[in-house]
């Protein structure tokens, strides 16, 4: 069974840093695009969307960031270890959210699906 397991969420003071990690387990053919999303409970009713894309990385290493995190967050991946990481620096209270790992995983020639981790809480507060 394919799973994504996140770790690294914590309580941190404004200006601090955290590193989130996500590991893919199980049997599959390949890991394609991977990314991190975040969700603030209740905020989806205001914005009309459930989760906000924070950062994404393709299998080839091309990256994309939300404007709000550019210059502060860095996404990386290790294809051999089947992991994706998010280094978060200069954290702000508005970064507080549940962070979810996402991966497009190819199981075989015919099947490719999106998988989600269970979420990890990041709280930025003094």
N, C-alpha and C. Protein backbone atom coordinates (compact mmCIF):
# COMPACT_ATOMS: atom_id res chain seq x y z
N UNK A 1 0.84 -1.18 0.00
CA UNK A 1 0.00 0.00 0.00
C UNK A 1 0.89 1.24 0.00
N UNK A 2 0.62 2.16 -0.90
CA UNK A 2 1.43 3.36 -1.01
C UNK A 2 0.98 4.38 0.04
N UNK A 3 1.93 4.96 0.73
CA UNK A 3 1.63 5.97 1.75
C UNK A 3 2.65 7.09 1.69
N UNK A 4 2.20 8.27 2.11
CA UNK A 4 3.09 9.42 2.32
C UNK A 4 3.04 9.74 3.81
N UNK A 5 4.21 9.82 4.42
CA UNK A 5 4.28 10.10 5.85
C UNK A 5 5.11 11.35 6.07
N UNK A 6 4.48 12.35 6.70
CA UNK A 6 5.15 13.63 6.94
C UNK A 6 5.71 13.67 8.36
N UNK A 7 6.69 14.53 8.54
CA UNK A 7 7.23 14.79 9.87
C UNK A 7 7.84 16.19 9.89
N UNK A 8 8.05 16.71 11.10
CA UNK A 8 8.76 17.98 11.23
C UNK A 8 7.93 19.14 11.71
N UNK A 9 6.61 19.01 11.75
CA UNK A 9 5.79 20.11 12.22
C UNK A 9 6.05 20.39 13.70
N UNK A 10 5.90 21.67 14.06
CA UNK A 10 6.21 22.03 15.46
C UNK A 10 5.72 23.44 15.73
N UNK A 11 5.89 23.87 16.97
CA UNK A 11 5.65 25.25 17.38
C UNK A 11 6.98 25.99 17.31
N UNK A 12 6.99 27.13 16.62
CA UNK A 12 8.23 27.89 16.46
C UNK A 12 7.92 29.37 16.58
N UNK A 13 8.90 30.15 17.04
CA UNK A 13 8.71 31.58 17.17
C UNK A 13 8.84 32.27 15.82
N UNK A 14 8.20 33.43 15.67
CA UNK A 14 8.38 34.19 14.42
C UNK A 14 9.85 34.44 14.14
N UNK A 15 10.22 34.28 12.87
CA UNK A 15 11.62 34.41 12.47
C UNK A 15 12.40 33.11 12.53
N UNK A 16 11.80 32.10 13.10
CA UNK A 16 12.48 30.81 13.23
C UNK A 16 12.39 29.97 11.97
N UNK A 17 12.92 28.76 12.08
CA UNK A 17 12.99 27.83 10.94
C UNK A 17 12.45 26.46 11.32
N UNK A 18 11.94 25.78 10.32
CA UNK A 18 11.52 24.38 10.46
C UNK A 18 11.82 23.67 9.15
N UNK A 19 12.00 22.36 9.26
CA UNK A 19 12.20 21.54 8.06
C UNK A 19 11.18 20.42 8.09
N UNK A 20 10.32 20.40 7.09
CA UNK A 20 9.34 19.33 6.95
C UNK A 20 9.88 18.26 6.01
N UNK A 21 9.58 17.02 6.33
CA UNK A 21 9.99 15.91 5.48
C UNK A 21 8.80 15.03 5.17
N UNK A 22 8.83 14.42 4.01
CA UNK A 22 7.76 13.51 3.59
C UNK A 22 8.40 12.33 2.88
N UNK A 23 8.07 11.14 3.33
CA UNK A 23 8.64 9.93 2.74
C UNK A 23 7.54 9.08 2.13
N UNK A 24 7.78 8.60 0.92
CA UNK A 24 6.84 7.71 0.24
C UNK A 24 7.25 6.27 0.50
N UNK A 25 6.27 5.45 0.89
CA UNK A 25 6.54 4.04 1.14
C UNK A 25 5.59 3.17 0.33
N UNK A 26 5.96 1.91 0.18
CA UNK A 26 5.14 0.98 -0.57
C UNK A 26 5.76 0.69 -1.93
N UNK A 27 5.04 -0.07 -2.71
CA UNK A 27 5.54 -0.50 -4.02
C UNK A 27 4.92 0.33 -5.13
N UNK A 28 5.77 0.99 -5.92
CA UNK A 28 5.27 1.76 -7.06
C UNK A 28 6.37 1.91 -8.10
N UNK A 29 5.98 2.36 -9.29
CA UNK A 29 6.93 2.45 -10.38
C UNK A 29 7.77 3.72 -10.32
N UNK A 30 7.12 4.88 -10.10
CA UNK A 30 7.88 6.13 -10.08
C UNK A 30 7.13 7.21 -9.31
N UNK A 31 7.94 8.16 -8.80
CA UNK A 31 7.42 9.37 -8.18
C UNK A 31 7.51 10.50 -9.19
N UNK A 32 6.41 11.12 -9.51
CA UNK A 32 6.44 12.22 -10.46
C UNK A 32 6.45 13.55 -9.70
N UNK A 33 5.55 14.49 -10.02
CA UNK A 33 5.55 15.76 -9.32
C UNK A 33 5.23 15.58 -7.84
N UNK A 34 5.90 16.37 -7.01
CA UNK A 34 5.66 16.34 -5.56
C UNK A 34 5.50 17.77 -5.08
N UNK A 35 4.82 17.93 -3.94
CA UNK A 35 4.62 19.28 -3.46
C UNK A 35 4.12 19.33 -2.03
N UNK A 36 4.08 20.54 -1.52
CA UNK A 36 3.54 20.81 -0.19
C UNK A 36 2.39 21.80 -0.32
N UNK A 37 1.31 21.48 0.37
CA UNK A 37 0.14 22.35 0.44
C UNK A 37 -0.10 22.69 1.92
N UNK A 38 -0.89 23.73 2.16
CA UNK A 38 -1.24 24.04 3.54
C UNK A 38 -2.70 24.47 3.62
N UNK A 39 -3.24 24.24 4.78
CA UNK A 39 -4.65 24.54 5.00
C UNK A 39 -4.83 25.09 6.40
N UNK A 40 -5.55 26.21 6.47
CA UNK A 40 -5.92 26.78 7.75
C UNK A 40 -7.38 26.42 7.99
N UNK A 41 -7.69 25.66 9.02
CA UNK A 41 -9.08 25.24 9.26
C UNK A 41 -10.02 26.43 9.32
N UNK A 42 -11.07 26.36 8.51
CA UNK A 42 -12.06 27.42 8.48
C UNK A 42 -11.80 28.47 7.43
N UNK A 43 -10.55 28.61 6.99
CA UNK A 43 -10.22 29.66 6.03
C UNK A 43 -10.72 29.32 4.64
N UNK A 44 -10.93 28.01 4.38
CA UNK A 44 -11.38 27.63 3.05
C UNK A 44 -12.73 28.24 2.72
N UNK A 45 -13.50 28.56 3.75
CA UNK A 45 -14.80 29.16 3.51
C UNK A 45 -14.66 30.58 2.99
N UNK A 46 -13.58 31.25 3.34
CA UNK A 46 -13.36 32.61 2.86
C UNK A 46 -12.77 32.61 1.47
N UNK A 47 -11.81 31.75 1.23
CA UNK A 47 -11.10 31.77 -0.04
C UNK A 47 -11.74 30.92 -1.11
N UNK A 48 -12.58 29.99 -0.70
CA UNK A 48 -13.22 29.11 -1.67
C UNK A 48 -12.36 27.94 -2.11
N UNK A 49 -11.17 27.83 -1.52
CA UNK A 49 -10.34 26.68 -1.86
C UNK A 49 -9.87 26.03 -0.57
N UNK A 50 -9.72 24.71 -0.64
CA UNK A 50 -9.42 23.98 0.58
C UNK A 50 -7.96 24.10 0.97
N UNK A 51 -7.07 23.88 0.05
CA UNK A 51 -5.65 23.88 0.36
C UNK A 51 -4.90 24.79 -0.61
N UNK A 52 -3.90 25.46 -0.06
CA UNK A 52 -3.08 26.38 -0.83
C UNK A 52 -1.78 25.69 -1.21
N UNK A 53 -1.41 25.76 -2.48
CA UNK A 53 -0.11 25.25 -2.89
C UNK A 53 0.98 26.14 -2.32
N UNK A 54 1.92 25.52 -1.62
CA UNK A 54 3.05 26.25 -1.05
C UNK A 54 4.26 26.15 -1.97
N UNK A 55 4.60 24.93 -2.35
CA UNK A 55 5.75 24.72 -3.23
C UNK A 55 5.61 23.38 -3.94
N UNK A 56 6.15 23.30 -5.13
CA UNK A 56 6.09 22.07 -5.90
C UNK A 56 7.43 21.83 -6.59
N UNK A 57 7.70 20.55 -6.88
CA UNK A 57 8.94 20.19 -7.56
C UNK A 57 8.66 19.04 -8.50
N UNK A 58 9.15 19.15 -9.72
CA UNK A 58 8.94 18.09 -10.70
C UNK A 58 9.97 16.98 -10.49
N UNK A 59 9.79 15.89 -11.22
CA UNK A 59 10.74 14.78 -11.13
C UNK A 59 12.13 15.23 -11.57
N UNK A 60 12.18 16.20 -12.45
CA UNK A 60 13.46 16.70 -12.94
C UNK A 60 14.07 17.78 -12.08
N UNK A 61 13.34 18.23 -11.05
CA UNK A 61 13.90 19.21 -10.13
C UNK A 61 13.44 20.64 -10.33
N UNK A 62 12.57 20.91 -11.29
CA UNK A 62 12.06 22.27 -11.47
C UNK A 62 11.11 22.59 -10.32
N UNK A 63 11.21 23.82 -9.81
CA UNK A 63 10.44 24.20 -8.62
C UNK A 63 9.48 25.36 -8.91
N UNK A 64 8.47 25.45 -8.07
CA UNK A 64 7.46 26.51 -8.18
C UNK A 64 7.03 26.84 -6.76
N UNK A 65 6.90 28.14 -6.45
CA UNK A 65 6.55 28.57 -5.10
C UNK A 65 5.38 29.55 -5.11
N UNK A 66 4.60 29.53 -4.04
CA UNK A 66 3.61 30.57 -3.83
C UNK A 66 4.35 31.89 -3.59
N UNK A 67 3.76 32.98 -4.05
CA UNK A 67 4.41 34.28 -3.88
C UNK A 67 4.69 34.58 -2.41
N UNK A 68 3.83 34.11 -1.53
CA UNK A 68 3.94 34.44 -0.12
C UNK A 68 5.15 33.78 0.55
N UNK A 69 5.73 32.76 -0.08
CA UNK A 69 6.86 32.05 0.55
C UNK A 69 8.16 32.16 -0.24
N UNK A 70 8.12 32.80 -1.39
CA UNK A 70 9.33 32.93 -2.21
C UNK A 70 10.43 33.63 -1.43
N UNK A 71 11.63 33.07 -1.50
CA UNK A 71 12.77 33.64 -0.79
C UNK A 71 12.89 33.16 0.65
N UNK A 72 11.86 32.50 1.17
CA UNK A 72 11.89 32.02 2.55
C UNK A 72 11.87 30.50 2.62
N UNK A 73 11.14 29.86 1.73
CA UNK A 73 10.99 28.40 1.72
C UNK A 73 11.77 27.80 0.56
N UNK A 74 12.28 26.59 0.77
CA UNK A 74 12.97 25.86 -0.29
C UNK A 74 12.50 24.42 -0.29
N UNK A 75 12.04 23.97 -1.45
CA UNK A 75 11.62 22.58 -1.61
C UNK A 75 12.74 21.79 -2.28
N UNK A 76 12.91 20.54 -1.84
CA UNK A 76 13.92 19.68 -2.44
C UNK A 76 13.42 18.25 -2.39
N UNK A 77 14.05 17.40 -3.17
CA UNK A 77 13.66 16.00 -3.16
C UNK A 77 14.88 15.12 -3.33
N UNK A 78 14.76 13.90 -2.83
CA UNK A 78 15.79 12.89 -2.98
C UNK A 78 15.10 11.68 -3.59
N UNK A 79 15.30 11.49 -4.88
CA UNK A 79 14.58 10.41 -5.57
C UNK A 79 15.02 9.03 -5.09
N UNK A 80 16.26 8.88 -4.70
CA UNK A 80 16.74 7.59 -4.23
C UNK A 80 16.09 7.22 -2.89
N UNK A 81 15.90 8.23 -2.04
CA UNK A 81 15.28 7.99 -0.74
C UNK A 81 13.77 8.13 -0.79
N UNK A 82 13.25 8.59 -1.93
CA UNK A 82 11.81 8.76 -2.14
C UNK A 82 11.24 9.76 -1.13
N UNK A 83 11.95 10.86 -0.97
CA UNK A 83 11.52 11.89 -0.02
C UNK A 83 11.42 13.26 -0.69
N UNK A 84 10.59 14.11 -0.08
CA UNK A 84 10.52 15.51 -0.45
C UNK A 84 10.56 16.33 0.83
N UNK A 85 11.32 17.41 0.82
CA UNK A 85 11.52 18.22 2.01
C UNK A 85 11.13 19.67 1.75
N UNK A 86 10.76 20.35 2.83
CA UNK A 86 10.46 21.77 2.74
C UNK A 86 11.20 22.48 3.86
N UNK A 87 12.22 23.25 3.49
CA UNK A 87 12.95 24.05 4.45
C UNK A 87 12.26 25.40 4.55
N UNK A 88 11.82 25.74 5.75
CA UNK A 88 11.07 26.97 5.97
C UNK A 88 11.86 27.89 6.88
N UNK A 89 12.26 29.03 6.37
CA UNK A 89 13.01 30.02 7.14
C UNK A 89 12.19 31.30 7.29
N UNK A 90 12.61 32.13 8.21
CA UNK A 90 11.94 33.42 8.45
C UNK A 90 10.43 33.24 8.57
N UNK A 91 10.03 32.30 9.40
CA UNK A 91 8.61 31.97 9.52
C UNK A 91 7.83 33.13 10.12
N UNK A 92 6.59 33.26 9.64
CA UNK A 92 5.69 34.32 10.08
C UNK A 92 4.43 33.70 10.68
N UNK A 93 3.73 34.42 11.53
CA UNK A 93 2.48 33.87 12.10
C UNK A 93 1.50 33.43 11.02
N UNK A 94 1.47 34.11 9.89
CA UNK A 94 0.55 33.73 8.83
C UNK A 94 0.94 32.44 8.12
N UNK A 95 2.09 31.87 8.45
CA UNK A 95 2.47 30.56 7.93
C UNK A 95 1.84 29.43 8.75
N UNK A 96 1.19 29.78 9.84
CA UNK A 96 0.55 28.77 10.67
C UNK A 96 -0.53 28.05 9.89
N UNK A 97 -0.45 26.72 9.85
CA UNK A 97 -1.39 25.91 9.09
C UNK A 97 -1.05 24.44 9.28
N UNK A 98 -1.92 23.59 8.77
CA UNK A 98 -1.58 22.19 8.63
C UNK A 98 -0.96 22.02 7.24
N UNK A 99 0.22 21.43 7.19
CA UNK A 99 0.94 21.26 5.94
C UNK A 99 0.80 19.81 5.46
N UNK A 100 0.45 19.68 4.18
CA UNK A 100 0.23 18.37 3.59
C UNK A 100 1.21 18.11 2.46
N UNK A 101 1.74 16.93 2.45
CA UNK A 101 2.59 16.47 1.35
C UNK A 101 1.71 15.86 0.27
N UNK A 102 2.05 16.13 -0.97
CA UNK A 102 1.31 15.57 -2.12
C UNK A 102 2.29 15.00 -3.12
N UNK A 103 1.92 13.88 -3.72
CA UNK A 103 2.77 13.29 -4.75
C UNK A 103 1.93 12.61 -5.82
N UNK A 104 2.33 12.81 -7.04
CA UNK A 104 1.73 12.07 -8.14
C UNK A 104 2.58 10.82 -8.32
N UNK A 105 1.98 9.66 -8.11
CA UNK A 105 2.73 8.40 -8.10
C UNK A 105 2.21 7.48 -9.19
N UNK A 106 3.13 6.99 -9.96
CA UNK A 106 2.77 6.02 -11.01
C UNK A 106 2.95 4.61 -10.46
N UNK A 107 1.83 3.90 -10.41
CA UNK A 107 1.89 2.53 -9.88
C UNK A 107 2.39 1.55 -10.93
N UNK A 108 1.94 1.76 -12.16
CA UNK A 108 2.38 0.92 -13.27
C UNK A 108 2.11 1.68 -14.57
N UNK A 109 2.18 1.00 -15.69
CA UNK A 109 2.02 1.67 -16.98
C UNK A 109 0.65 2.34 -17.11
N UNK A 110 -0.35 1.76 -16.52
CA UNK A 110 -1.72 2.24 -16.73
C UNK A 110 -2.23 3.15 -15.61
N UNK A 111 -1.65 3.08 -14.44
CA UNK A 111 -2.26 3.76 -13.29
C UNK A 111 -1.33 4.79 -12.67
N UNK A 112 -1.85 6.02 -12.52
CA UNK A 112 -1.13 7.11 -11.87
C UNK A 112 -2.13 7.89 -11.03
N UNK A 113 -1.80 8.10 -9.75
CA UNK A 113 -2.74 8.74 -8.85
C UNK A 113 -2.05 9.81 -8.02
N UNK A 114 -2.87 10.72 -7.47
CA UNK A 114 -2.41 11.68 -6.47
C UNK A 114 -2.56 11.08 -5.09
N UNK A 115 -1.51 11.20 -4.29
CA UNK A 115 -1.56 10.75 -2.91
C UNK A 115 -1.31 11.93 -1.98
N UNK A 116 -1.89 11.83 -0.77
CA UNK A 116 -1.73 12.87 0.24
C UNK A 116 -1.24 12.26 1.54
N UNK A 117 -0.41 13.04 2.24
CA UNK A 117 -0.03 12.64 3.59
C UNK A 117 -1.14 13.02 4.57
N UNK A 118 -0.91 12.69 5.83
CA UNK A 118 -1.93 12.92 6.85
C UNK A 118 -1.91 14.35 7.38
N UNK A 119 -0.88 15.10 7.08
CA UNK A 119 -0.78 16.49 7.54
C UNK A 119 0.08 16.61 8.77
N UNK A 120 0.78 17.73 8.87
CA UNK A 120 1.60 18.03 10.05
C UNK A 120 1.39 19.50 10.41
N UNK A 121 1.19 19.75 11.69
CA UNK A 121 0.84 21.10 12.16
C UNK A 121 2.09 21.95 12.31
N UNK A 122 2.04 23.13 11.72
CA UNK A 122 3.07 24.14 11.92
C UNK A 122 2.41 25.35 12.56
N UNK A 123 2.92 25.73 13.72
CA UNK A 123 2.39 26.90 14.44
C UNK A 123 3.51 27.89 14.66
N UNK A 124 3.30 29.12 14.20
CA UNK A 124 4.30 30.18 14.37
C UNK A 124 3.71 31.21 15.33
N UNK A 125 4.27 31.25 16.52
CA UNK A 125 3.72 32.12 17.55
C UNK A 125 4.77 32.40 18.61
N UNK A 126 4.69 33.60 19.18
CA UNK A 126 5.59 33.94 20.27
C UNK A 126 4.93 33.63 21.62
